[in-house]
Amino acid sequence: MGFHLVDSVIKESIFSASDDRLQSWLEERGQPRFRVPQIRQWIVQRRVVDFEKMTDLPAGLRTELAEHWVPLASSIAKENVDADGTTKLLVRLADGEHVECVLIPEGERRTVCLSTQVGCGMGCVFCASGLKGVVRNLTSLEMMEQLVWLNLRQSATDRLNHVVVMGMGEPLANLDNLMVALEFATNDKGLGISARNITISTVGLPGRIRQLAMLGKPYHLAVSLHAPNNELRQQIVPTAEKIELKDILSAADHFRDKTGRQVTFEYVLLGGINDQAEHASQLVRLLAQRDAMINLIPYNPVSGLSYRTPMPGQSRDFAMTLRRAGYTVKIRKRKGSKINAACGQLRRVHQDVVSLTSPPSTGENR
């Protein structure tokens, strides 16, 4: 259940409340049962999170709702919008932690990028999300609220139609809660997004990949490789020390066989580290005989980290080697680069500002 502190009063989130809880509260005030779906429809389908603007509710009820409830348990701490339309939100959770989510418009596509954890425990050396480790898993409702907040950022004629679970955190480390959130995303009473337009990204947890395959959902799987051999991968993804590429690829093959869904392999290109011709050739051999999509991601620089974006020609040459071997290759466009849109950057900036503006610790309460 979600609660939000408003003017020193803790109010319950109406979005987080169960139907029974909300129905009981409404019946105590002589309101009919149909008010429950009516209120939820205002928030989810009609994109309104101001009780006063829920105009087909009685005025007195709207006043009481505002006195006792908040629409959502989370709030927006910061919003950045790039010239290309990419919108990044820093969402403040009820316990004061922060996560990020992104809306990426491109033509008629409206893609949301969803976070699943506060921080990340995978330790990818180039990523801002995991610089301070993982704090906790998000609840399913906290993930659902990210979707609602991004849905509110659209025009009346637009609708969310794609979800990529590629934000902060390792999605498969929070699989149960994620599945509940994605049910809301695909349900007709939720956002009605096609399940075939949902992609779940993982750094490569073989057991969890197999578990996802057994669920029988038509979601796409994206596996983050970032290196064509175990030695280099362990330098880039320290947690990979105990997980070999052969085990990840075996699990990905199982997912493909079980679901019939093509697996995408993601590869962040780090200038001078994993973007050389020899690495491209090794990747061709690693993925041999697989019907795979390869998504190359030129590195989006993070302040304070020494990694750099490859030269454009280097990315093109890398892609050409893969294409000549028969693979479908995409080079991801850099969107939102001016608004700290890479995973964890906006949260990190916020944490740094809070650290600089907070009084020094006295050492008490440790």
Protein backbone atom coordinates (compact mmCIF):
# COMPACT_ATOMS: atom_id res chain seq x y z
CA MET A 1 0.00 0.00 0.00
CA GLY A 2 1.35 3.47 -0.89
CA PHE A 3 1.36 6.52 1.34
CA HIS A 4 2.53 10.06 0.66
CA LEU A 5 3.41 12.82 3.10
CA VAL A 6 1.47 15.97 2.21
CA ASP A 7 1.72 19.05 4.44
CA SER A 8 2.89 16.86 7.35
CA VAL A 9 -0.18 14.60 6.94
CA ILE A 10 0.25 11.06 5.65
CA LYS A 11 -2.32 10.38 2.97
CA GLU A 12 -2.98 7.04 1.31
CA SER A 13 -2.53 6.68 -2.44
CA ILE A 14 -5.82 5.95 -4.16
CA PHE A 15 -3.96 4.26 -7.03
CA SER A 16 -2.31 1.85 -4.58
CA ALA A 17 -5.46 1.10 -2.58
CA SER A 18 -7.27 -2.18 -3.20
CA ASP A 19 -10.74 -2.10 -4.74
CA ASP A 20 -12.19 -3.37 -1.45
CA ARG A 21 -10.45 -0.65 0.56
CA LEU A 22 -11.61 2.12 -1.76
CA GLN A 23 -15.10 0.71 -2.08
CA SER A 24 -15.47 0.55 1.70
CA TRP A 25 -14.34 4.17 2.04
CA LEU A 26 -16.80 5.30 -0.64
CA GLU A 27 -19.72 3.32 0.83
CA GLU A 28 -19.13 4.98 4.19
CA ARG A 29 -19.92 8.24 2.38
CA GLY A 30 -22.97 6.92 0.58
CA GLN A 31 -21.24 6.61 -2.79
CA PRO A 32 -22.12 3.81 -5.25
CA ARG A 33 -19.72 1.02 -6.19
CA PHE A 34 -19.20 2.27 -9.73
CA ARG A 35 -17.16 5.17 -8.34
CA VAL A 36 -14.18 2.80 -7.88
CA PRO A 37 -13.59 2.07 -11.58
CA GLN A 38 -14.67 5.63 -12.39
CA ILE A 39 -11.87 7.12 -10.27
CA ARG A 40 -9.31 4.63 -11.57
CA GLN A 41 -10.31 5.42 -15.14
CA TRP A 42 -9.65 9.11 -14.55
CA ILE A 43 -6.08 8.35 -13.46
CA VAL A 44 -5.16 5.61 -15.94
CA GLN A 45 -7.16 6.21 -19.11
CA ARG A 46 -8.13 9.86 -18.85
CA ARG A 47 -4.73 10.93 -17.49
CA VAL A 48 -5.92 13.13 -14.64
CA VAL A 49 -4.27 13.17 -11.19
CA ASP A 50 -6.13 16.15 -9.76
CA PHE A 51 -9.33 15.18 -7.96
CA GLU A 52 -10.86 18.59 -8.65
CA LYS A 53 -10.63 17.94 -12.41
CA MET A 54 -12.55 14.63 -12.18
CA THR A 55 -15.62 16.50 -13.32
CA ASP A 56 -18.19 13.68 -13.37
CA LEU A 57 -17.68 13.09 -9.64
CA PRO A 58 -19.89 15.06 -7.20
CA ALA A 59 -18.21 18.23 -5.98
CA GLY A 60 -18.46 17.15 -2.35
CA LEU A 61 -16.79 13.83 -3.10
CA ARG A 62 -13.97 15.57 -4.93
CA THR A 63 -13.34 17.68 -1.86
CA GLU A 64 -13.32 14.65 0.44
CA LEU A 65 -11.00 12.76 -1.88
CA ALA A 66 -8.51 15.62 -1.79
CA GLU A 67 -8.73 15.76 2.03
CA HIS A 68 -8.09 12.05 2.58
CA TRP A 69 -6.16 10.75 -0.42
CA VAL A 70 -3.45 11.48 -2.95
CA PRO A 71 -3.83 10.11 -6.49
CA LEU A 72 -0.33 8.54 -6.56
CA ALA A 73 2.13 7.62 -3.82
CA SER A 74 5.10 8.94 -5.78
CA SER A 75 5.78 12.44 -7.05
CA ILE A 76 7.96 14.10 -9.69
CA ALA A 77 11.20 15.51 -8.27
CA LYS A 78 12.54 16.69 -11.61
CA GLU A 79 11.54 16.63 -15.27
CA ASN A 80 13.90 17.16 -18.21
CA VAL A 81 12.70 17.46 -21.80
CA ASP A 82 15.09 17.33 -24.75
CA ALA A 83 14.55 19.10 -28.07
CA ASP A 84 13.89 15.71 -29.68
CA GLY A 85 10.91 15.20 -27.35
CA THR A 86 12.58 12.70 -25.05
CA THR A 87 11.27 13.25 -21.53
CA LYS A 88 13.07 12.00 -18.44
CA LEU A 89 11.45 11.98 -15.02
CA LEU A 90 13.13 11.67 -11.66
CA VAL A 91 10.43 10.05 -9.54
CA ARG A 92 10.46 10.49 -5.78
CA LEU A 93 9.09 7.38 -4.08
CA ALA A 94 7.07 7.41 -0.87
CA ASP A 95 10.13 6.48 1.22
CA GLY A 96 12.23 9.31 -0.23
CA GLU A 97 14.26 7.19 -2.66
CA HIS A 98 14.44 8.17 -6.34
CA VAL A 99 14.26 6.31 -9.64
CA GLU A 100 14.17 7.38 -13.28
CA CYS A 101 11.89 6.66 -16.20
CA VAL A 102 11.92 7.95 -19.77
CA LEU A 103 9.42 8.63 -22.55
CA ILE A 104 10.93 8.35 -26.03
CA PRO A 105 8.80 9.55 -28.97
CA GLU A 106 9.76 8.53 -32.49
CA GLY A 107 7.22 8.84 -35.27
CA GLU A 108 4.07 7.13 -34.01
CA ARG A 109 5.99 5.12 -31.44
CA ARG A 110 5.75 6.14 -27.82
CA THR A 111 8.26 4.06 -25.91
CA VAL A 112 8.66 4.12 -22.15
CA CYS A 113 11.83 3.00 -20.40
CA LEU A 114 11.07 1.54 -17.00
CA SER A 115 13.20 1.09 -13.87
CA THR A 116 12.88 -1.97 -11.62
CA GLN A 117 15.23 -1.22 -8.73
CA VAL A 118 16.57 1.72 -6.75
CA GLY A 119 20.16 1.60 -7.95
CA CYS A 120 21.61 -1.59 -9.42
CA GLY A 121 23.72 -4.44 -8.11
CA MET A 122 25.21 -5.60 -11.40
CA GLY A 123 28.18 -3.21 -11.26
CA CYS A 124 28.63 -2.44 -14.97
CA VAL A 125 31.62 -0.10 -14.84
CA PHE A 126 30.26 2.39 -17.39
CA CYS A 127 26.79 2.81 -15.88
CA ALA A 128 25.67 5.51 -13.45
CA SER A 129 22.80 3.38 -12.07
CA GLY A 130 25.01 1.04 -10.08
CA LEU A 131 27.75 3.37 -8.89
CA LYS A 132 26.42 3.13 -5.33
CA GLY A 133 25.01 -0.38 -5.60
CA VAL A 134 21.42 -1.51 -5.23
CA VAL A 135 19.20 -0.11 -2.45
CA ARG A 136 16.08 -2.23 -2.96
CA ASN A 137 13.65 -3.70 -5.43
CA LEU A 138 10.74 -1.58 -6.57
CA THR A 139 7.23 -2.78 -5.80
CA SER A 140 4.93 -3.54 -8.69
CA LEU A 141 2.92 -0.42 -7.84
CA GLU A 142 6.04 1.77 -7.98
CA MET A 143 6.71 0.47 -11.47
CA MET A 144 3.10 0.99 -12.47
CA GLU A 145 3.23 4.58 -11.26
CA GLN A 146 6.21 5.25 -13.53
CA LEU A 147 3.98 4.21 -16.45
CA VAL A 148 1.17 6.46 -15.22
CA TRP A 149 3.46 9.49 -14.84
CA LEU A 150 4.84 9.05 -18.35
CA ASN A 151 1.35 8.54 -19.73
CA LEU A 152 0.45 11.94 -18.30
CA ARG A 153 3.24 13.55 -20.35
CA GLN A 154 1.56 12.82 -23.68
CA SER A 155 -0.89 14.75 -25.78
CA ALA A 156 -4.52 13.64 -25.78
CA THR A 157 -4.12 11.94 -29.17
CA ASP A 158 -0.99 9.95 -28.29
CA ARG A 159 -0.81 6.68 -26.38
CA LEU A 160 2.00 4.57 -25.01
CA ASN A 161 2.60 1.61 -27.28
CA HIS A 162 6.03 0.18 -26.40
CA VAL A 163 7.80 -0.65 -23.14
CA VAL A 164 11.50 -1.36 -22.70
CA VAL A 165 12.52 -2.50 -19.24
CA MET A 166 16.00 -1.04 -19.52
CA GLY A 167 16.08 1.60 -16.81
CA MET A 168 17.72 1.43 -13.40
CA GLY A 169 18.24 -2.04 -11.98
CA GLU A 170 18.42 -5.64 -13.18
CA PRO A 171 14.83 -6.53 -14.20
CA LEU A 172 15.19 -10.29 -13.74
CA ALA A 173 16.34 -9.75 -10.14
CA ASN A 174 12.84 -8.37 -9.49
CA LEU A 175 10.92 -10.64 -11.83
CA ASP A 176 7.79 -11.30 -9.76
CA ASN A 177 7.01 -7.62 -9.19
CA LEU A 178 7.86 -6.81 -12.81
CA MET A 179 5.36 -9.36 -14.12
CA VAL A 180 2.57 -7.73 -12.09
CA ALA A 181 3.50 -4.28 -13.44
CA LEU A 182 3.58 -5.54 -17.03
CA GLU A 183 0.16 -7.12 -16.56
CA PHE A 184 -1.10 -3.62 -15.78
CA ALA A 185 0.70 -2.29 -18.86
CA THR A 186 -0.97 -4.83 -21.15
CA ASN A 187 -4.39 -5.15 -19.51
CA ASP A 188 -7.37 -3.42 -21.14
CA LYS A 189 -8.16 -1.82 -17.77
CA GLY A 190 -4.59 -0.61 -17.61
CA LEU A 191 -2.70 0.87 -20.55
CA GLY A 192 -3.62 -1.73 -23.19
CA ILE A 193 -0.10 -2.03 -24.63
CA SER A 194 0.50 -5.11 -26.76
CA ALA A 195 2.59 -7.70 -24.92
CA ARG A 196 4.54 -8.18 -28.15
CA ASN A 197 5.73 -4.57 -27.84
CA ILE A 198 7.45 -5.19 -24.50
CA THR A 199 11.17 -5.91 -24.18
CA ILE A 200 12.87 -7.01 -20.96
CA SER A 201 16.60 -6.41 -20.75
CA THR A 202 19.01 -8.39 -18.59
CA VAL A 203 22.74 -8.36 -17.99
CA GLY A 204 22.49 -12.15 -18.20
CA LEU A 205 21.12 -14.24 -15.30
CA PRO A 206 20.75 -17.71 -16.83
CA GLY A 207 18.41 -19.14 -14.21
CA ARG A 208 16.08 -16.16 -14.34
CA ILE A 209 16.10 -16.17 -18.16
CA ARG A 210 14.87 -19.77 -18.05
CA GLN A 211 12.28 -18.82 -15.44
CA LEU A 212 11.01 -16.02 -17.69
CA ALA A 213 10.77 -18.46 -20.59
CA MET A 214 8.62 -20.81 -18.50
CA LEU A 215 6.08 -18.06 -17.82
CA GLY A 216 5.02 -18.22 -21.46
CA LYS A 217 4.65 -14.48 -21.98
CA PRO A 218 5.22 -13.13 -25.50
CA TYR A 219 7.71 -10.54 -24.31
CA HIS A 220 10.98 -9.93 -26.12
CA LEU A 221 14.27 -10.60 -24.35
CA ALA A 222 17.36 -8.39 -24.69
CA VAL A 223 20.62 -9.75 -23.30
CA SER A 224 23.40 -7.26 -22.54
CA LEU A 225 26.70 -8.82 -23.63
CA HIS A 226 29.03 -5.79 -23.87
CA ALA A 227 32.00 -8.06 -24.68
CA PRO A 228 32.74 -11.00 -26.99
CA ASN A 229 34.81 -13.01 -24.48
CA ASN A 230 34.69 -13.81 -20.77
CA GLU A 231 37.91 -12.04 -19.84
CA LEU A 232 36.87 -8.67 -21.25
CA ARG A 233 33.32 -9.06 -20.01
CA GLN A 234 34.49 -9.57 -16.45
CA GLN A 235 36.32 -6.25 -16.65
CA ILE A 236 33.20 -4.46 -17.92
CA VAL A 237 30.61 -6.36 -15.85
CA PRO A 238 32.36 -7.43 -12.61
CA THR A 239 29.42 -9.60 -11.51
CA ALA A 240 30.01 -11.70 -14.64
CA GLU A 241 32.96 -13.38 -12.89
CA LYS A 242 30.73 -16.27 -11.86
CA ILE A 243 28.61 -16.32 -15.04
CA GLU A 244 30.20 -17.42 -18.28
CA LEU A 245 28.98 -16.33 -21.69
CA LYS A 246 28.27 -19.91 -22.74
CA ASP A 247 25.75 -20.26 -19.90
CA ILE A 248 24.05 -16.98 -20.80
CA LEU A 249 23.81 -17.97 -24.46
CA SER A 250 22.45 -21.41 -23.54
CA ALA A 251 19.70 -19.76 -21.48
CA ALA A 252 18.96 -17.32 -24.32
CA ASP A 253 18.68 -20.27 -26.74
CA HIS A 254 16.25 -21.92 -24.33
CA PHE A 255 14.17 -18.74 -24.24
CA ARG A 256 14.06 -18.65 -28.04
CA ASP A 257 13.09 -22.33 -28.28
CA LYS A 258 10.45 -22.05 -25.58
CA THR A 259 8.79 -18.80 -26.66
CA GLY A 260 9.57 -18.54 -30.36
CA ARG A 261 10.64 -14.94 -29.75
CA GLN A 262 13.86 -13.64 -31.25
CA VAL A 263 16.50 -12.61 -28.73
CA THR A 264 18.26 -9.28 -29.07
CA PHE A 265 21.86 -9.02 -27.95
CA GLU A 266 22.87 -5.59 -26.72
CA TYR A 267 26.42 -4.34 -26.85
CA VAL A 268 27.51 -0.98 -25.44
CA LEU A 269 30.42 0.29 -27.53
CA LEU A 270 33.10 1.77 -25.30
CA GLY A 271 35.66 3.76 -27.26
CA GLY A 272 39.01 1.94 -27.39
CA ILE A 273 37.89 -0.88 -25.07
CA ASN A 274 35.45 -3.24 -26.82
CA ASP A 275 34.88 -1.57 -30.19
CA GLN A 276 37.87 -2.80 -32.20
CA ALA A 277 37.79 -4.98 -35.34
CA GLU A 278 39.01 -7.98 -33.37
CA HIS A 279 36.09 -7.63 -30.97
CA ALA A 280 33.60 -7.55 -33.83
CA SER A 281 35.12 -10.73 -35.30
CA GLN A 282 35.01 -12.45 -31.90
CA LEU A 283 31.36 -11.48 -31.50
CA VAL A 284 30.56 -13.04 -34.89
CA ARG A 285 32.11 -16.31 -33.73
CA LEU A 286 30.41 -16.13 -30.32
CA LEU A 287 26.94 -15.83 -31.82
CA ALA A 288 27.51 -18.28 -34.66
CA GLN A 289 24.42 -20.09 -35.97
CA ARG A 290 22.02 -17.90 -34.00
CA ASP A 291 19.12 -15.99 -35.52
CA ALA A 292 19.90 -12.90 -33.51
CA MET A 293 19.30 -9.20 -33.59
CA ILE A 294 22.31 -7.19 -32.41
CA ASN A 295 21.73 -3.75 -30.95
CA LEU A 296 24.89 -1.64 -30.81
CA ILE A 297 24.75 1.20 -28.30
CA PRO A 298 27.42 3.92 -28.59
CA TYR A 299 28.31 4.86 -25.04
CA ASN A 300 26.50 7.85 -23.55
CA PRO A 301 29.17 9.58 -21.38
CA VAL A 302 28.65 9.82 -17.63
CA SER A 303 30.21 12.68 -15.68
CA GLY A 304 33.07 11.45 -13.53
CA LEU A 305 33.69 8.27 -15.53
CA SER A 306 36.55 8.02 -17.99
CA TYR A 307 34.80 5.97 -20.69
CA ARG A 308 34.16 7.62 -24.02
CA THR A 309 31.91 7.30 -27.04
CA PRO A 310 33.51 5.55 -30.03
CA MET A 311 34.16 7.53 -33.17
CA PRO A 312 31.19 7.30 -35.60
CA GLY A 313 33.34 5.47 -38.13
CA GLN A 314 34.31 2.89 -35.51
CA SER A 315 30.66 2.10 -34.79
CA ARG A 316 29.87 1.79 -38.50
CA ASP A 317 32.83 -0.54 -39.13
CA PHE A 318 31.86 -2.70 -36.16
CA ALA A 319 28.31 -2.97 -37.48
CA MET A 320 29.49 -3.76 -41.00
CA THR A 321 31.52 -6.74 -39.79
CA LEU A 322 28.42 -8.15 -38.11
CA ARG A 323 26.19 -7.49 -41.11
CA ARG A 324 28.58 -9.22 -43.46
CA ALA A 325 28.24 -12.28 -41.24
CA GLY A 326 24.48 -12.20 -41.79
CA TYR A 327 23.27 -10.58 -38.59
CA THR A 328 20.59 -7.92 -38.33
CA VAL A 329 22.28 -4.96 -36.68
CA LYS A 330 20.96 -1.66 -35.38
CA ILE A 331 22.98 1.22 -34.02
CA ARG A 332 20.87 2.86 -31.37
CA LYS A 333 20.26 6.55 -31.90
CA ARG A 334 21.48 8.78 -29.11
CA LYS A 335 18.31 10.39 -27.81
CA GLY A 336 18.08 12.56 -24.73
CA SER A 337 21.84 13.06 -24.47
CA LYS A 338 21.35 16.67 -23.34
CA ILE A 339 19.06 15.77 -20.43
CA ASN A 340 21.11 13.12 -18.60
CA ALA A 341 18.97 10.40 -20.20
CA ALA A 342 21.43 7.57 -19.72
CA CYS A 343 20.50 5.22 -16.88
CA GLY A 344 21.06 6.67 -13.43
CA GLN A 345 22.47 10.03 -14.48
CA LEU A 346 19.61 12.23 -13.31
CA ARG A 347 19.36 10.39 -9.98
CA ARG A 348 23.11 10.71 -9.52
CA VAL A 349 23.02 14.46 -10.19
CA HIS A 350 20.19 14.80 -7.67
CA GLN A 351 22.11 12.81 -5.05
CA ASP A 352 25.22 14.95 -5.59
CA VAL A 353 23.17 18.15 -5.16
CA VAL A 354 21.54 16.83 -1.97
CA SER A 355 24.97 15.82 -0.66
CA LEU A 356 26.40 19.28 -1.35
CA THR A 357 23.47 21.13 0.21
CA SER A 358 22.98 18.90 3.27
CA PRO A 359 24.68 19.82 6.56
CA PRO A 360 27.69 17.67 7.48
CA SER A 361 27.01 14.61 9.56
CA THR A 362 27.85 14.83 13.27
CA GLY A 363 28.51 11.11 13.43
CA GLU A 364 25.45 10.55 15.61
CA ASN A 365 22.79 7.91 14.86
CA ARG A 366 25.31 5.60 13.20
